[in-house]
C-alpha atoms as a PDB file:
ATOM      1  CA  MET A   1       0.037  -0.028  -0.017  1.00  0.00           C
ATOM      2  CA  TYR A   2       1.295   3.433  -0.915  1.00  0.00           C
ATOM      3  CA  TRP A   3      -0.073   6.810   0.302  1.00  0.00           C
ATOM      4  CA  VAL A   4       0.123   9.627  -2.270  1.00  0.00           C
ATOM      5  CA  ASN A   5      -0.919  13.051  -1.107  1.00  0.00           C
ATOM      6  CA  SER A   6      -1.207  16.376  -2.962  1.00  0.00           C
ATOM      7  CA  ARG A   7      -0.666  19.499  -0.756  1.00  0.00           C
ATOM      8  CA  SER A   8      -1.659  21.767  -3.589  1.00  0.00           C
ATOM      9  CA  ALA A   9      -4.953  23.637  -3.815  1.00  0.00           C
ATOM     10  CA  LYS A  10      -4.920  23.559  -7.622  1.00  0.00           C
ATOM     11  CA  ASN A  11      -6.104  20.876  -9.999  1.00  0.00           C
ATOM     12  CA  GLU A  12      -3.300  18.623 -11.075  1.00  0.00           C
ATOM     13  CA  GLN A  13      -2.636  15.626 -13.280  1.00  0.00           C
ATOM     14  CA  THR A  14       0.587  13.585 -12.785  1.00  0.00           C
ATOM     15  CA  GLY A  15       1.976  10.145 -12.634  1.00  0.00           C
ATOM     16  CA  ALA A  16       3.825   7.887 -10.234  1.00  0.00           C
ATOM     17  CA  SER A  17       6.134   4.940 -10.771  1.00  0.00           C
ATOM     18  CA  PHE A  18       6.437   2.156  -8.185  1.00  0.00           C
ATOM     19  CA  ARG A  19       8.996  -0.684  -8.009  1.00  0.00           C
ATOM     20  CA  ILE A  20       6.384  -3.401  -7.963  1.00  0.00           C
ATOM     21  CA  ALA A  21       4.471  -5.409 -10.560  1.00  0.00           C
ATOM     22  CA  GLY A  22       1.834  -8.034 -10.642  1.00  0.00           C
ATOM     23  CA  LYS A  23      -0.638  -6.413  -8.234  1.00  0.00           C
ATOM     24  CA  ALA A  24      -4.065  -4.931  -8.795  1.00  0.00           C
ATOM     25  CA  VAL A  25      -4.034  -1.113  -8.640  1.00  0.00           C
ATOM     26  CA  GLU A  26      -6.839   0.928  -7.187  1.00  0.00           C
ATOM     27  CA  ILE A  27      -7.387   4.457  -5.965  1.00  0.00           C
ATOM     28  CA  TRP A  28      -8.768   4.780  -2.494  1.00  0.00           C
ATOM     29  CA  HIS A  29     -10.492   8.042  -1.398  1.00  0.00           C
ATOM     30  CA  PRO A  30      -9.940   8.299   2.375  1.00  0.00           C
ATOM     31  CA  GLU A  31     -12.568  11.065   2.811  1.00  0.00           C
ATOM     32  CA  THR A  32     -15.354   8.743   1.623  1.00  0.00           C
ATOM     33  CA  GLY A  33     -13.887   5.307   1.716  1.00  0.00           C
ATOM     34  CA  ALA A  34     -14.690   4.817  -1.986  1.00  0.00           C
ATOM     35  CA  LYS A  35     -12.392   2.731  -4.171  1.00  0.00           C
ATOM     36  CA  GLU A  36     -11.963   2.846  -7.979  1.00  0.00           C
ATOM     37  CA  PRO A  37      -9.740   1.006 -10.472  1.00  0.00           C
ATOM     38  CA  ALA A  38      -6.651   3.001 -11.409  1.00  0.00           C
ATOM     39  CA  HIS A  39      -5.254   3.571 -14.931  1.00  0.00           C
ATOM     40  CA  TYR A  40      -1.827   1.973 -15.070  1.00  0.00           C
ATOM     41  CA  THR A  41       0.791   0.245 -17.144  1.00  0.00           C
ATOM     42  CA  VAL A  42       3.641  -2.115 -16.231  1.00  0.00           C
ATOM     43  CA  GLU A  43       7.075  -1.571 -17.829  1.00  0.00           C
ATOM     44  CA  ASN A  44      10.343  -3.183 -16.672  1.00  0.00           C
ATOM     45  CA  SER A  45       8.910  -4.452 -13.415  1.00  0.00           C
ATOM     46  CA  ARG A  46       7.555  -1.002 -12.501  1.00  0.00           C
ATOM     47  CA  THR A  47       3.918  -0.056 -12.231  1.00  0.00           C
ATOM     48  CA  LYS A  48       3.169   3.389 -13.669  1.00  0.00           C
ATOM     49  CA  VAL A  49      -0.032   4.971 -12.349  1.00  0.00           C
ATOM     50  CA  SER A  50      -1.865   8.027 -13.835  1.00  0.00           C
ATOM     51  CA  LEU A  51      -2.999  10.270 -10.981  1.00  0.00           C
ATOM     52  CA  GLN A  52      -5.197  13.342 -10.918  1.00  0.00           C
ATOM     53  CA  HIS A  53      -6.233  15.603  -8.107  1.00  0.00           C
ATOM     54  CA  TRP A  54      -9.334  17.804  -8.576  1.00  0.00           C
ATOM     55  CA  ASN A  55      -9.728  20.243  -5.687  1.00  0.00           C
ATOM     56  CA  ASP A  56     -13.402  20.143  -4.830  1.00  0.00           C
ATOM     57  CA  ARG A  57     -13.038  22.260  -1.626  1.00  0.00           C
ATOM     58  CA  ARG A  58     -13.261  25.625  -3.412  1.00  0.00           C
END
């Protein structure tokens, strides 16, 4: 399990690369407990995940 946090108040789209492969990837929203499948690829035993943060606290 990895915790990824944005401290920015602006909308952002980025990616992350993890040194693991062969696992299911999902996004967990701690404020609601909701889970959703993540968009990812596996290259050279690394899992690359597309992440986006939309600030809905405006």
